[in-house]
Structure formats: structure tokens, C-alpha cells
């Protein structure tokens, strides 16, 4: 069975999977660490 045919025949299943993926994406976005200026150590090089 092709994916497009399956998703059309089982639209409720497709909708639930879509909502699950959307929830996982939003959860990842909200839990992502944020820093305006991330800490880094500049390496000095002689000029």
C-alpha cells in the first residue's frame, strides 16, 4: 500500500500522528537551551 493511499484511507490515524509529531516539535522547541551570547573562549593568535 502506498503512503498517500494509506493516509487518505486512514485520515484519523494520519491526523493523530501529525499531532504527535507537532507536540514533539513544540516540546523540543520549548526545552531548547537559549543564550543570547553563548560563552566561547577566543583563541589568541599573534599578529
C-alpha atoms as a PDB file:
ATOM      1  CA  UNK A   1       0.000   0.000   0.000  1.00  0.00           C
ATOM      2  CA  UNK A   2       1.340   3.396  -0.930  1.00  0.00           C
ATOM      3  CA  UNK A   3       1.830   6.045   1.739  1.00  0.00           C
ATOM      4  CA  UNK A   4      -0.516   8.557   0.089  1.00  0.00           C
ATOM      5  CA  UNK A   5      -3.255   5.947  -0.308  1.00  0.00           C
ATOM      6  CA  UNK A   6      -2.829   4.809   3.292  1.00  0.00           C
ATOM      7  CA  UNK A   7      -3.034   8.358   4.668  1.00  0.00           C
ATOM      8  CA  UNK A   8      -6.166   9.127   2.686  1.00  0.00           C
ATOM      9  CA  UNK A   9      -7.891   5.909   3.758  1.00  0.00           C
ATOM     10  CA  UNK A  10      -6.852   6.308   7.416  1.00  0.00           C
ATOM     11  CA  UNK A  11      -7.206  10.045   7.898  1.00  0.00           C
ATOM     12  CA  UNK A  12      -7.787   9.812  11.660  1.00  0.00           C
ATOM     13  CA  UNK A  13      -4.570   7.831  12.113  1.00  0.00           C
ATOM     14  CA  UNK A  14      -2.681  10.354   9.973  1.00  0.00           C
ATOM     15  CA  UNK A  15      -4.125  13.242  11.996  1.00  0.00           C
ATOM     16  CA  UNK A  16      -3.086  11.632  15.304  1.00  0.00           C
ATOM     17  CA  UNK A  17       0.433  11.013  14.002  1.00  0.00           C
ATOM     18  CA  UNK A  18       0.600  14.632  12.803  1.00  0.00           C
ATOM     19  CA  UNK A  19      -0.475  15.913  16.221  1.00  0.00           C
ATOM     20  CA  UNK A  20       2.122  13.695  17.908  1.00  0.00           C
ATOM     21  CA  UNK A  21       4.930  14.983  15.700  1.00  0.00           C
ATOM     22  CA  UNK A  22       3.730  18.555  16.248  1.00  0.00           C
ATOM     23  CA  UNK A  23       3.711  18.046  20.038  1.00  0.00           C
ATOM     24  CA  UNK A  24       7.230  16.587  19.955  1.00  0.00           C
ATOM     25  CA  UNK A  25       8.456  19.534  17.891  1.00  0.00           C
ATOM     26  CA  UNK A  26       6.898  22.105  20.212  1.00  0.00           C
ATOM     27  CA  UNK A  27       8.280  20.286  23.254  1.00  0.00           C
ATOM     28  CA  UNK A  28      11.756  20.303  21.735  1.00  0.00           C
ATOM     29  CA  UNK A  29      11.488  23.973  20.830  1.00  0.00           C
ATOM     30  CA  UNK A  30      10.416  24.991  24.331  1.00  0.00           C
ATOM     31  CA  UNK A  31      13.121  22.898  26.044  1.00  0.00           C
ATOM     32  CA  UNK A  32      15.946  24.052  23.794  1.00  0.00           C
ATOM     33  CA  UNK A  33      18.644  25.907  25.731  1.00  0.00           C
ATOM     34  CA  UNK A  34      18.754  29.583  24.916  1.00  0.00           C
ATOM     35  CA  UNK A  35      21.580  32.036  25.384  1.00  0.00           C
ATOM     36  CA  UNK A  36      21.748  35.433  23.723  1.00  0.00           C
ATOM     37  CA  UNK A  37      25.505  35.471  23.905  1.00  0.00           C
ATOM     38  CA  UNK A  38      26.774  31.902  24.203  1.00  0.00           C
ATOM     39  CA  UNK A  39      30.050  31.541  26.068  1.00  0.00           C
ATOM     40  CA  UNK A  40      33.102  30.804  23.990  1.00  0.00           C
ATOM     41  CA  UNK A  41      36.791  31.152  24.527  1.00  0.00           C
ATOM     42  CA  UNK A  42      38.518  33.206  21.860  1.00  0.00           C
ATOM     43  CA  UNK A  43      41.824  31.811  20.725  1.00  0.00           C
ATOM     44  CA  UNK A  44      44.630  34.346  20.621  1.00  0.00           C
ATOM     45  CA  UNK A  45      46.833  34.427  17.589  1.00  0.00           C
ATOM     46  CA  UNK A  46      49.993  36.506  17.209  1.00  0.00           C
ATOM     47  CA  UNK A  47      49.845  39.221  14.579  1.00  0.00           C
END
